[in-house]
N, C-alpha and C. Protein backbone atom coordinates (compact mmCIF):
# COMPACT_ATOMS: atom_id res chain seq x y z
N UNK A 1 10.03 -6.27 -1.09
CA UNK A 1 9.24 -6.14 0.12
C UNK A 1 8.39 -7.40 0.30
N UNK A 2 8.40 -7.93 1.51
CA UNK A 2 7.66 -9.15 1.79
C UNK A 2 6.15 -8.90 1.84
N UNK A 3 5.40 -9.96 1.55
CA UNK A 3 3.94 -9.86 1.57
C UNK A 3 3.43 -9.51 2.96
N UNK A 4 4.06 -10.05 4.01
CA UNK A 4 3.60 -9.74 5.37
C UNK A 4 3.81 -8.28 5.71
N UNK A 5 4.92 -7.70 5.24
CA UNK A 5 5.15 -6.27 5.48
C UNK A 5 4.10 -5.43 4.78
N UNK A 6 3.75 -5.81 3.56
CA UNK A 6 2.71 -5.09 2.82
C UNK A 6 1.38 -5.22 3.55
N UNK A 7 1.05 -6.43 4.01
CA UNK A 7 -0.20 -6.63 4.75
C UNK A 7 -0.25 -5.78 6.01
N UNK A 8 0.86 -5.67 6.73
CA UNK A 8 0.90 -4.85 7.94
C UNK A 8 0.64 -3.38 7.60
N UNK A 9 1.27 -2.90 6.53
CA UNK A 9 1.07 -1.50 6.15
C UNK A 9 -0.38 -1.25 5.77
N UNK A 10 -0.99 -2.20 5.07
CA UNK A 10 -2.40 -2.05 4.68
C UNK A 10 -3.30 -2.08 5.90
N UNK A 11 -3.06 -3.01 6.82
CA UNK A 11 -3.89 -3.11 8.03
C UNK A 11 -3.77 -1.86 8.89
N UNK A 12 -2.55 -1.37 9.05
CA UNK A 12 -2.35 -0.16 9.84
C UNK A 12 -3.06 1.01 9.17
N UNK A 13 -2.90 1.14 7.87
CA UNK A 13 -3.54 2.23 7.14
C UNK A 13 -5.05 2.20 7.24
N UNK A 14 -5.62 1.01 7.10
CA UNK A 14 -7.08 0.88 7.19
C UNK A 14 -7.57 1.26 8.58
N UNK A 15 -6.82 0.86 9.60
CA UNK A 15 -7.23 1.17 10.97
C UNK A 15 -7.15 2.67 11.23
N UNK A 16 -6.12 3.31 10.74
CA UNK A 16 -6.00 4.77 10.89
C UNK A 16 -7.17 5.45 10.20
N UNK A 17 -7.52 5.01 8.99
CA UNK A 17 -8.65 5.60 8.27
C UNK A 17 -9.95 5.40 9.05
N UNK A 18 -10.15 4.21 9.61
CA UNK A 18 -11.36 3.94 10.41
C UNK A 18 -11.45 4.89 11.60
N UNK A 19 -10.35 5.00 12.33
CA UNK A 19 -10.34 5.87 13.52
C UNK A 19 -10.57 7.33 13.14
N UNK A 20 -9.94 7.76 12.04
CA UNK A 20 -10.10 9.14 11.59
C UNK A 20 -11.56 9.42 11.25
N UNK A 21 -12.18 8.51 10.52
CA UNK A 21 -13.59 8.69 10.12
C UNK A 21 -14.52 8.64 11.32
N UNK A 22 -14.24 7.74 12.27
CA UNK A 22 -15.05 7.67 13.49
C UNK A 22 -15.05 8.99 14.25
N UNK A 23 -13.95 9.71 14.15
CA UNK A 23 -13.82 10.99 14.84
C UNK A 23 -14.28 12.17 13.99
N UNK A 24 -14.77 11.87 12.79
CA UNK A 24 -15.30 12.91 11.91
C UNK A 24 -14.25 13.82 11.33
N UNK A 25 -13.04 13.31 11.16
CA UNK A 25 -11.95 14.12 10.64
C UNK A 25 -11.69 13.79 9.17
N UNK A 26 -11.34 14.81 8.42
CA UNK A 26 -10.87 14.59 7.05
C UNK A 26 -9.36 14.31 7.11
N UNK A 27 -8.82 13.85 6.00
CA UNK A 27 -7.38 13.65 5.95
C UNK A 27 -6.66 14.98 6.15
N UNK A 28 -7.21 16.03 5.60
CA UNK A 28 -6.61 17.36 5.75
C UNK A 28 -6.59 17.78 7.22
N UNK A 29 -7.69 17.56 7.93
CA UNK A 29 -7.75 17.92 9.35
C UNK A 29 -6.76 17.11 10.17
N UNK A 30 -6.65 15.81 9.89
CA UNK A 30 -5.68 14.99 10.60
C UNK A 30 -4.26 15.47 10.30
N UNK A 31 -4.02 15.85 9.07
CA UNK A 31 -2.71 16.38 8.69
C UNK A 31 -2.39 17.64 9.50
N UNK A 32 -3.36 18.51 9.65
CA UNK A 32 -3.15 19.74 10.42
C UNK A 32 -2.85 19.43 11.89
N UNK A 33 -3.55 18.46 12.45
CA UNK A 33 -3.35 18.09 13.85
C UNK A 33 -1.99 17.45 14.11
N UNK A 34 -1.47 16.77 13.10
CA UNK A 34 -0.23 16.02 13.28
C UNK A 34 1.01 16.70 12.71
N UNK A 35 0.81 17.67 11.83
CA UNK A 35 1.95 18.29 11.16
C UNK A 35 2.51 17.42 10.04
N UNK A 36 1.71 16.45 9.59
CA UNK A 36 2.10 15.55 8.50
C UNK A 36 1.37 16.00 7.24
N UNK A 37 2.05 16.01 6.12
CA UNK A 37 1.42 16.41 4.86
C UNK A 37 0.20 15.53 4.57
N UNK A 38 -0.88 16.15 4.12
CA UNK A 38 -2.12 15.39 3.88
C UNK A 38 -1.95 14.31 2.81
N UNK A 39 -1.05 14.53 1.85
CA UNK A 39 -0.82 13.48 0.84
C UNK A 39 -0.19 12.25 1.49
N UNK A 40 0.64 12.46 2.51
CA UNK A 40 1.24 11.33 3.22
C UNK A 40 0.21 10.61 4.08
N UNK A 41 -0.75 11.34 4.65
CA UNK A 41 -1.84 10.70 5.39
C UNK A 41 -2.58 9.75 4.44
N UNK A 42 -2.87 10.22 3.25
CA UNK A 42 -3.55 9.38 2.26
C UNK A 42 -2.74 8.15 1.89
N UNK A 43 -1.44 8.32 1.71
CA UNK A 43 -0.57 7.19 1.37
C UNK A 43 -0.51 6.19 2.52
N UNK A 44 -0.45 6.68 3.75
CA UNK A 44 -0.44 5.79 4.91
C UNK A 44 -1.72 4.98 4.95
N UNK A 45 -2.84 5.65 4.76
CA UNK A 45 -4.14 4.96 4.82
C UNK A 45 -4.29 3.92 3.71
N UNK A 46 -3.64 4.12 2.60
CA UNK A 46 -3.69 3.16 1.49
C UNK A 46 -2.63 2.08 1.60
N UNK A 47 -1.77 2.18 2.61
CA UNK A 47 -0.71 1.20 2.78
C UNK A 47 0.45 1.38 1.81
N UNK A 48 0.58 2.59 1.26
CA UNK A 48 1.63 2.87 0.28
C UNK A 48 2.80 3.63 0.88
N UNK A 49 2.75 3.89 2.17
CA UNK A 49 3.79 4.66 2.85
C UNK A 49 4.06 3.97 4.17
N UNK A 50 5.33 3.74 4.47
CA UNK A 50 5.71 3.08 5.71
C UNK A 50 6.01 4.14 6.77
N UNK A 51 5.06 4.42 7.67
CA UNK A 51 5.26 5.49 8.63
C UNK A 51 6.28 5.11 9.71
N UNK A 52 7.05 6.10 10.12
CA UNK A 52 8.01 5.90 11.21
C UNK A 52 7.25 5.83 12.54
N UNK A 53 7.95 5.44 13.58
CA UNK A 53 7.35 5.43 14.92
C UNK A 53 6.92 6.83 15.33
N UNK A 54 7.70 7.81 14.96
CA UNK A 54 7.37 9.21 15.26
C UNK A 54 6.03 9.59 14.63
N UNK A 55 5.85 9.25 13.37
CA UNK A 55 4.61 9.58 12.67
C UNK A 55 3.43 8.82 13.27
N UNK A 56 3.62 7.53 13.56
CA UNK A 56 2.54 6.76 14.19
C UNK A 56 2.17 7.35 15.54
N UNK A 57 3.16 7.82 16.28
CA UNK A 57 2.90 8.43 17.58
C UNK A 57 2.08 9.71 17.42
N UNK A 58 2.44 10.54 16.46
CA UNK A 58 1.68 11.78 16.22
C UNK A 58 0.24 11.49 15.82
N UNK A 59 0.07 10.50 14.96
CA UNK A 59 -1.28 10.13 14.52
C UNK A 59 -2.08 9.58 15.69
N UNK A 60 -1.46 8.71 16.48
CA UNK A 60 -2.13 8.15 17.65
C UNK A 60 -2.56 9.23 18.62
N UNK A 61 -1.67 10.18 18.88
CA UNK A 61 -2.01 11.29 19.78
C UNK A 61 -3.18 12.10 19.25
N UNK A 62 -3.16 12.40 17.96
CA UNK A 62 -4.23 13.19 17.36
C UNK A 62 -5.57 12.46 17.39
N UNK A 63 -5.52 11.13 17.29
CA UNK A 63 -6.75 10.33 17.28
C UNK A 63 -7.14 9.87 18.68
N UNK A 64 -6.29 10.16 19.66
CA UNK A 64 -6.60 9.80 21.04
C UNK A 64 -6.48 8.31 21.33
N UNK A 65 -5.52 7.66 20.66
CA UNK A 65 -5.30 6.23 20.89
C UNK A 65 -3.82 5.97 21.17
N UNK A 66 -3.57 4.87 21.85
CA UNK A 66 -2.20 4.43 22.08
C UNK A 66 -1.80 3.48 20.96
N UNK A 67 -0.55 3.50 20.61
CA UNK A 67 -0.03 2.59 19.61
C UNK A 67 0.33 1.29 20.32
N UNK A 68 -0.24 0.18 19.86
CA UNK A 68 0.00 -1.14 20.45
C UNK A 68 0.68 -2.01 19.41
N UNK A 69 1.94 -2.28 19.61
CA UNK A 69 2.70 -3.04 18.62
C UNK A 69 2.35 -4.52 18.63
N UNK A 70 1.71 -4.99 19.67
CA UNK A 70 1.27 -6.38 19.70
C UNK A 70 0.12 -6.61 18.73
N UNK A 71 -0.56 -5.55 18.34
CA UNK A 71 -1.72 -5.68 17.46
C UNK A 71 -1.32 -6.08 16.05
N UNK A 72 -0.06 -5.87 15.70
CA UNK A 72 0.42 -6.20 14.35
C UNK A 72 1.24 -7.47 14.45
N UNK A 73 0.63 -8.58 14.07
CA UNK A 73 1.33 -9.87 14.14
C UNK A 73 1.25 -10.59 12.83
């Protein structure tokens, strides 16, 4: 796995964690809203899981944000 891919996963995960915390949600609550296992939410936030577009879309919807692919460069 390339370093840039790892950096993208970490940046995406950190941003998801920031948004979740800003909304006062726990990982468990976000998992319930998205239908994603809470352990996978934790892995995504740590950059240890590469989420599919489907999963990113569910997380974005639950957090009330649009996914912008230009943000990851």
